[in-house]
Amino acid sequence: MMNYEVNAILTLKKQHPCGGVQWKIARVGADIKLQCTTCGKYLNMTRDELKKRAKSTLTQGENL
């Protein structure tokens, strides 16, 4: 199981409709809230869904 940290930057397999490919983790809990670094829109997904859709982690966030 991966540990997700607030403010970490992720790359997902598919890009956002705005063209952005990098996402910042805004909140961690049962669901994970991501913010597009290009347009600022938010997206909620479960940990299992994020595990499937995440391509790589670019930067580490705050350790909670």
PDB file of N, CA and C in Angstrom:
ATOM      1  N   MET A   1       0.837  -1.183   0.000  1.00  0.00           N
ATOM      2  CA  MET A   1       0.000   0.000   0.000  1.00  0.00           C
ATOM      3  C   MET A   1       0.881   1.245   0.000  1.00  0.00           C
ATOM      4  N   MET A   2       0.581   2.183  -0.893  1.00  0.00           N
ATOM      5  CA  MET A   2       1.360   3.411  -0.980  1.00  0.00           C
ATOM      6  C   MET A   2       0.906   4.402   0.079  1.00  0.00           C
ATOM      7  N   ASN A   3       1.836   5.178   0.581  1.00  0.00           N
ATOM      8  CA  ASN A   3       1.513   6.260   1.504  1.00  0.00           C
ATOM      9  C   ASN A   3       1.456   7.551   0.708  1.00  0.00           C
ATOM     10  N   TYR A   4       0.336   8.234   0.777  1.00  0.00           N
ATOM     11  CA  TYR A   4       0.160   9.494   0.069  1.00  0.00           C
ATOM     12  C   TYR A   4       0.287  10.625   1.066  1.00  0.00           C
ATOM     13  N   GLU A   5       0.979  11.694   0.682  1.00  0.00           N
ATOM     14  CA  GLU A   5       1.225  12.825   1.562  1.00  0.00           C
ATOM     15  C   GLU A   5       0.674  14.099   0.942  1.00  0.00           C
ATOM     16  N   VAL A   6       0.175  14.993   1.795  1.00  0.00           N
ATOM     17  CA  VAL A   6      -0.344  16.278   1.345  1.00  0.00           C
ATOM     18  C   VAL A   6       0.778  17.063   0.664  1.00  0.00           C
ATOM     19  N   ASN A   7       0.460  17.747  -0.411  1.00  0.00           N
ATOM     20  CA  ASN A   7       1.353  18.584  -1.226  1.00  0.00           C
ATOM     21  C   ASN A   7       2.309  17.797  -2.114  1.00  0.00           C
ATOM     22  N   ALA A   8       2.200  16.473  -2.157  1.00  0.00           N
ATOM     23  CA  ALA A   8       3.009  15.701  -3.102  1.00  0.00           C
ATOM     24  C   ALA A   8       2.455  15.942  -4.507  1.00  0.00           C
ATOM     25  N   ILE A   9       3.330  15.944  -5.499  1.00  0.00           N
ATOM     26  CA  ILE A   9       2.933  16.135  -6.893  1.00  0.00           C
ATOM     27  C   ILE A   9       2.977  14.785  -7.591  1.00  0.00           C
ATOM     28  N   LEU A  10       1.844  14.416  -8.234  1.00  0.00           N
ATOM     29  CA  LEU A  10       1.724  13.144  -8.938  1.00  0.00           C
ATOM     30  C   LEU A  10       1.508  13.377 -10.420  1.00  0.00           C
ATOM     31  N   THR A  11       1.861  12.387 -11.215  1.00  0.00           N
ATOM     32  CA  THR A  11       1.517  12.355 -12.628  1.00  0.00           C
ATOM     33  C   THR A  11       0.569  11.189 -12.827  1.00  0.00           C
ATOM     34  N   LEU A  12      -0.596  11.455 -13.442  1.00  0.00           N
ATOM     35  CA  LEU A  12      -1.554  10.400 -13.726  1.00  0.00           C
ATOM     36  C   LEU A  12      -1.374   9.908 -15.157  1.00  0.00           C
ATOM     37  N   LYS A  13      -1.920   8.734 -15.455  1.00  0.00           N
ATOM     38  CA  LYS A  13      -1.758   8.129 -16.776  1.00  0.00           C
ATOM     39  C   LYS A  13      -2.458   8.926 -17.870  1.00  0.00           C
ATOM     40  N   LYS A  14      -3.636   9.480 -17.567  1.00  0.00           N
ATOM     41  CA  LYS A  14      -4.371  10.286 -18.546  1.00  0.00           C
ATOM     42  C   LYS A  14      -4.299  11.747 -18.142  1.00  0.00           C
ATOM     43  N   GLN A  15      -4.263  12.637 -19.134  1.00  0.00           N
ATOM     44  CA  GLN A  15      -4.208  14.052 -18.801  1.00  0.00           C
ATOM     45  C   GLN A  15      -5.608  14.618 -18.590  1.00  0.00           C
ATOM     46  N   HIS A  16      -5.671  15.724 -17.881  1.00  0.00           N
ATOM     47  CA  HIS A  16      -6.910  16.433 -17.592  1.00  0.00           C
ATOM     48  C   HIS A  16      -7.373  17.132 -18.879  1.00  0.00           C
ATOM     49  N   PRO A  17      -8.668  17.388 -19.057  1.00  0.00           N
ATOM     50  CA  PRO A  17      -9.141  18.086 -20.259  1.00  0.00           C
ATOM     51  C   PRO A  17      -8.474  19.445 -20.504  1.00  0.00           C
ATOM     52  N   CYS A  18      -7.954  20.090 -19.475  1.00  0.00           N
ATOM     53  CA  CYS A  18      -7.262  21.374 -19.656  1.00  0.00           C
ATOM     54  C   CYS A  18      -5.861  21.182 -20.230  1.00  0.00           C
ATOM     55  N   GLY A  19      -5.384  19.940 -20.270  1.00  0.00           N
ATOM     56  CA  GLY A  19      -4.054  19.651 -20.795  1.00  0.00           C
ATOM     57  C   GLY A  19      -3.028  19.365 -19.712  1.00  0.00           C
ATOM     58  N   GLY A  20      -3.394  19.554 -18.454  1.00  0.00           N
ATOM     59  CA  GLY A  20      -2.466  19.320 -17.348  1.00  0.00           C
ATOM     60  C   GLY A  20      -2.275  17.839 -17.059  1.00  0.00           C
ATOM     61  N   VAL A  21      -1.071  17.475 -16.674  1.00  0.00           N
ATOM     62  CA  VAL A  21      -0.775  16.083 -16.332  1.00  0.00           C
ATOM     63  C   VAL A  21      -0.300  15.935 -14.892  1.00  0.00           C
ATOM     64  N   GLN A  22      -0.044  17.047 -14.210  1.00  0.00           N
ATOM     65  CA  GLN A  22       0.450  16.986 -12.839  1.00  0.00           C
ATOM     66  C   GLN A  22      -0.656  17.375 -11.868  1.00  0.00           C
ATOM     67  N   TRP A  23      -0.720  16.645 -10.753  1.00  0.00           N
ATOM     68  CA  TRP A  23      -1.742  16.849  -9.736  1.00  0.00           C
ATOM     69  C   TRP A  23      -1.085  16.967  -8.373  1.00  0.00           C
ATOM     70  N   LYS A  24      -1.585  17.882  -7.535  1.00  0.00           N
ATOM     71  CA  LYS A  24      -1.096  18.055  -6.164  1.00  0.00           C
ATOM     72  C   LYS A  24      -2.121  17.439  -5.223  1.00  0.00           C
ATOM     73  N   ILE A  25      -1.653  16.668  -4.248  1.00  0.00           N
ATOM     74  CA  ILE A  25      -2.556  16.081  -3.264  1.00  0.00           C
ATOM     75  C   ILE A  25      -2.963  17.168  -2.274  1.00  0.00           C
ATOM     76  N   ALA A  26      -4.278  17.436  -2.205  1.00  0.00           N
ATOM     77  CA  ALA A  26      -4.798  18.489  -1.336  1.00  0.00           C
ATOM     78  C   ALA A  26      -5.282  17.943   0.001  1.00  0.00           C
ATOM     79  N   ARG A  27      -5.784  16.696   0.016  1.00  0.00           N
ATOM     80  CA  ARG A  27      -6.314  16.117   1.249  1.00  0.00           C
ATOM     81  C   ARG A  27      -6.160  14.614   1.180  1.00  0.00           C
ATOM     82  N   VAL A  28      -5.831  14.015   2.324  1.00  0.00           N
ATOM     83  CA  VAL A  28      -5.683  12.566   2.417  1.00  0.00           C
ATOM     84  C   VAL A  28      -6.615  12.069   3.508  1.00  0.00           C
ATOM     85  N   GLY A  29      -7.361  11.035   3.210  1.00  0.00           N
ATOM     86  CA  GLY A  29      -8.283  10.420   4.163  1.00  0.00           C
ATOM     87  C   GLY A  29      -8.750   9.114   3.552  1.00  0.00           C
ATOM     88  N   ALA A  30     -10.022   8.769   3.735  1.00  0.00           N
ATOM     89  CA  ALA A  30     -10.581   7.588   3.081  1.00  0.00           C
ATOM     90  C   ALA A  30     -10.528   7.789   1.568  1.00  0.00           C
ATOM     91  N   ASP A  31     -10.839   9.009   1.128  1.00  0.00           N
ATOM     92  CA  ASP A  31     -10.675   9.403  -0.268  1.00  0.00           C
ATOM     93  C   ASP A  31      -9.504  10.370  -0.339  1.00  0.00           C
ATOM     94  N   ILE A  32      -8.978  10.542  -1.531  1.00  0.00           N
ATOM     95  CA  ILE A  32      -7.867  11.471  -1.728  1.00  0.00           C
ATOM     96  C   ILE A  32      -8.332  12.575  -2.662  1.00  0.00           C
ATOM     97  N   LYS A  33      -8.076  13.823  -2.278  1.00  0.00           N
ATOM     98  CA  LYS A  33      -8.477  14.973  -3.074  1.00  0.00           C
ATOM     99  C   LYS A  33      -7.248  15.499  -3.804  1.00  0.00           C
ATOM    100  N   LEU A  34      -7.350  15.579  -5.126  1.00  0.00           N
ATOM    101  CA  LEU A  34      -6.259  16.062  -5.960  1.00  0.00           C
ATOM    102  C   LEU A  34      -6.628  17.409  -6.562  1.00  0.00           C
ATOM    103  N   GLN A  35      -5.625  18.258  -6.790  1.00  0.00           N
ATOM    104  CA  GLN A  35      -5.834  19.541  -7.451  1.00  0.00           C
ATOM    105  C   GLN A  35      -4.953  19.599  -8.684  1.00  0.00           C
ATOM    106  N   CYS A  36      -5.548  19.917  -9.836  1.00  0.00           N
ATOM    107  CA  CYS A  36      -4.783  20.053 -11.076  1.00  0.00           C
ATOM    108  C   CYS A  36      -3.849  21.251 -10.929  1.00  0.00           C
ATOM    109  N   THR A  37      -2.569  21.074 -11.245  1.00  0.00           N
ATOM    110  CA  THR A  37      -1.611  22.170 -11.101  1.00  0.00           C
ATOM    111  C   THR A  37      -1.727  23.178 -12.237  1.00  0.00           C
ATOM    112  N   THR A  38      -2.449  22.829 -13.315  1.00  0.00           N
ATOM    113  CA  THR A  38      -2.609  23.740 -14.446  1.00  0.00           C
ATOM    114  C   THR A  38      -3.803  24.674 -14.264  1.00  0.00           C
ATOM    115  N   CYS A  39      -4.995  24.103 -14.003  1.00  0.00           N
ATOM    116  CA  CYS A  39      -6.211  24.921 -13.940  1.00  0.00           C
ATOM    117  C   CYS A  39      -6.776  25.083 -12.533  1.00  0.00           C
ATOM    118  N   GLY A  40      -6.335  24.267 -11.568  1.00  0.00           N
ATOM    119  CA  GLY A  40      -6.786  24.404 -10.187  1.00  0.00           C
ATOM    120  C   GLY A  40      -8.042  23.635  -9.825  1.00  0.00           C
ATOM    121  N   LYS A  41      -8.615  22.875 -10.757  1.00  0.00           N
ATOM    122  CA  LYS A  41      -9.816  22.081 -10.461  1.00  0.00           C
ATOM    123  C   LYS A  41      -9.477  20.944  -9.511  1.00  0.00           C
ATOM    124  N   TYR A  42     -10.470  20.532  -8.711  1.00  0.00           N
ATOM    125  CA  TYR A  42     -10.285  19.449  -7.748  1.00  0.00           C
ATOM    126  C   TYR A  42     -10.935  18.170  -8.244  1.00  0.00           C
ATOM    127  N   LEU A  43     -10.368  17.041  -7.825  1.00  0.00           N
ATOM    128  CA  LEU A  43     -10.859  15.721  -8.192  1.00  0.00           C
ATOM    129  C   LEU A  43     -10.728  14.818  -6.978  1.00  0.00           C
ATOM    130  N   ASN A  44     -11.799  14.106  -6.632  1.00  0.00           N
ATOM    131  CA  ASN A  44     -11.771  13.147  -5.526  1.00  0.00           C
ATOM    132  C   ASN A  44     -11.720  11.742  -6.081  1.00  0.00           C
ATOM    133  N   MET A  45     -10.917  10.885  -5.476  1.00  0.00           N
ATOM    134  CA  MET A  45     -10.901   9.475  -5.854  1.00  0.00           C
ATOM    135  C   MET A  45     -10.466   8.632  -4.670  1.00  0.00           C
ATOM    136  N   THR A  46     -10.830   7.359  -4.726  1.00  0.00           N
ATOM    137  CA  THR A  46     -10.456   6.439  -3.654  1.00  0.00           C
ATOM    138  C   THR A  46      -8.980   6.088  -3.785  1.00  0.00           C
ATOM    139  N   ARG A  47      -8.422   5.532  -2.726  1.00  0.00           N
ATOM    140  CA  ARG A  47      -7.015   5.114  -2.748  1.00  0.00           C
ATOM    141  C   ARG A  47      -6.767   4.051  -3.817  1.00  0.00           C
ATOM    142  N   ASP A  48      -7.706   3.092  -3.946  1.00  0.00           N
ATOM    143  CA  ASP A  48      -7.547   2.036  -4.948  1.00  0.00           C
ATOM    144  C   ASP A  48      -7.562   2.605  -6.363  1.00  0.00           C
ATOM    145  N   GLU A  49      -8.463   3.559  -6.601  1.00  0.00           N
ATOM    146  CA  GLU A  49      -8.556   4.185  -7.913  1.00  0.00           C
ATOM    147  C   GLU A  49      -7.278   4.965  -8.227  1.00  0.00           C
ATOM    148  N   LEU A  50      -6.753   5.696  -7.247  1.00  0.00           N
ATOM    149  CA  LEU A  50      -5.524   6.460  -7.451  1.00  0.00           C
ATOM    150  C   LEU A  50      -4.342   5.532  -7.698  1.00  0.00           C
ATOM    151  N   LYS A  51      -4.309   4.415  -6.998  1.00  0.00           N
ATOM    152  CA  LYS A  51      -3.221   3.450  -7.181  1.00  0.00           C
ATOM    153  C   LYS A  51      -3.174   2.960  -8.631  1.00  0.00           C
ATOM    154  N   LYS A  52      -4.346   2.759  -9.242  1.00  0.00           N
ATOM    155  CA  LYS A  52      -4.418   2.309 -10.634  1.00  0.00           C
ATOM    156  C   LYS A  52      -4.061   3.418 -11.616  1.00  0.00           C
ATOM    157  N   ARG A  53      -4.452   4.659 -11.301  1.00  0.00           N
ATOM    158  CA  ARG A  53      -4.307   5.765 -12.245  1.00  0.00           C
ATOM    159  C   ARG A  53      -2.996   6.535 -12.135  1.00  0.00           C
ATOM    160  N   ALA A  54      -2.273   6.384 -11.022  1.00  0.00           N
ATOM    161  CA  ALA A  54      -1.026   7.129 -10.824  1.00  0.00           C
ATOM    162  C   ALA A  54       0.098   6.533 -11.654  1.00  0.00           C
ATOM    163  N   LYS A  55       0.851   7.403 -12.295  1.00  0.00           N
ATOM    164  CA  LYS A  55       1.990   6.984 -13.109  1.00  0.00           C
ATOM    165  C   LYS A  55       3.285   7.116 -12.317  1.00  0.00           C
ATOM    166  N   SER A  56       3.488   8.271 -11.686  1.00  0.00           N
ATOM    167  CA  SER A  56       4.707   8.484 -10.906  1.00  0.00           C
ATOM    168  C   SER A  56       4.499   9.616  -9.900  1.00  0.00           C
ATOM    169  N   THR A  57       5.388   9.679  -8.912  1.00  0.00           N
ATOM    170  CA  THR A  57       5.410  10.759  -7.930  1.00  0.00           C
ATOM    171  C   THR A  57       6.614  11.631  -8.244  1.00  0.00           C
ATOM    172  N   LEU A  58       6.375  12.927  -8.458  1.00  0.00           N
ATOM    173  CA  LEU A  58       7.457  13.835  -8.818  1.00  0.00           C
ATOM    174  C   LEU A  58       8.129  14.449  -7.598  1.00  0.00           C
ATOM    175  N   THR A  59       7.333  14.860  -6.608  1.00  0.00           N
ATOM    176  CA  THR A  59       7.902  15.427  -5.382  1.00  0.00           C
ATOM    177  C   THR A  59       7.184  14.856  -4.179  1.00  0.00           C
ATOM    178  N   GLN A  60       7.859  14.816  -3.062  1.00  0.00           N
ATOM    179  CA  GLN A  60       7.270  14.352  -1.811  1.00  0.00           C
ATOM    180  C   GLN A  60       6.586  15.527  -1.130  1.00  0.00           C
ATOM    181  N   GLY A  61       5.555  15.228  -0.366  1.00  0.00           N
ATOM    182  CA  GLY A  61       4.813  16.264   0.347  1.00  0.00           C
ATOM    183  C   GLY A  61       5.173  16.292   1.815  1.00  0.00           C
ATOM    184  N   GLU A  62       4.262  16.859   2.598  1.00  0.00           N
ATOM    185  CA  GLU A  62       4.448  16.935   4.042  1.00  0.00           C
ATOM    186  C   GLU A  62       4.182  15.577   4.654  1.00  0.00           C
ATOM    187  N   ASN A  63       4.991  15.178   5.590  1.00  0.00           N
ATOM    188  CA  ASN A  63       4.785  13.904   6.271  1.00  0.00           C
ATOM    189  C   ASN A  63       3.819  14.119   7.418  1.00  0.00           C
ATOM    190  N   LEU A  64       2.647  13.463   7.358  1.00  0.00           N
ATOM    191  CA  LEU A  64       1.624  13.647   8.401  1.00  0.00           C
ATOM    192  C   LEU A  64       1.733  12.583   9.448  1.00  0.00           C
TER     193      LEU A  64
END
